[in-house]
Protein backbone atom coordinates (compact mmCIF):
# COMPACT_ATOMS: atom_id res chain seq x y z
CA MET A 1 -51.92 -46.41 9.17
CA ARG A 2 -51.49 -50.15 10.58
CA GLY A 3 -48.51 -52.02 9.82
CA LYS A 4 -51.04 -54.87 8.11
CA GLU A 5 -52.06 -52.26 5.78
CA ILE A 6 -48.44 -50.92 5.45
CA ARG A 7 -47.50 -54.60 4.11
CA LEU A 8 -50.33 -54.90 2.07
CA GLU A 9 -49.86 -51.99 0.62
CA ARG A 10 -46.20 -53.41 -1.33
CA ILE A 11 -48.36 -56.29 -2.85
CA MET A 12 -51.82 -55.20 -3.66
CA ASP A 13 -52.59 -51.91 -5.96
CA ARG A 14 -54.66 -49.81 -4.34
CA ASN A 15 -56.85 -48.69 -6.95
CA THR A 16 -58.16 -51.63 -8.21
CA GLY A 17 -57.64 -54.60 -5.91
CA LYS A 18 -55.36 -56.42 -7.73
CA THR A 19 -52.17 -58.50 -7.30
CA ILE A 20 -49.96 -60.78 -8.31
CA ILE A 21 -48.24 -63.53 -6.55
CA VAL A 22 -45.76 -65.99 -8.40
CA PRO A 23 -43.16 -68.29 -5.90
CA LEU A 24 -40.23 -68.48 -7.47
CA ASP A 25 -38.21 -70.41 -5.32
CA HIS A 26 -39.76 -73.99 -6.38
CA GLY A 27 -36.38 -74.46 -9.05
CA VAL A 28 -34.39 -74.48 -5.95
CA THR A 29 -35.58 -78.21 -5.02
CA LEU A 30 -37.68 -78.94 -8.70
CA GLY A 31 -35.31 -77.81 -11.04
CA PRO A 32 -36.51 -75.87 -13.99
CA VAL A 33 -40.95 -75.80 -14.18
CA PRO A 34 -41.53 -76.16 -17.83
CA GLY A 35 -43.53 -73.04 -18.74
CA LEU A 36 -41.37 -70.88 -16.47
CA ILE A 37 -37.71 -71.02 -17.88
CA ASP A 38 -38.67 -67.22 -19.17
CA VAL A 39 -40.73 -65.52 -16.68
CA GLY A 40 -41.54 -62.27 -18.63
CA ARG A 41 -42.82 -64.48 -21.44
CA THR A 42 -45.04 -66.59 -19.54
CA ILE A 43 -46.44 -63.63 -18.29
CA ASP A 44 -46.84 -61.91 -21.43
CA LEU A 45 -48.73 -64.94 -22.81
């Protein structure tokens, strides 16, 4: 397995090919974004 494949395994489900990437660093510069204050609740919606 090559390095790129190893890194992709960390963020992508091998069986489904699905992934979710949520950048959470925007709050540092923009402050809280409505709807992302409670990330767990937002994902459940």
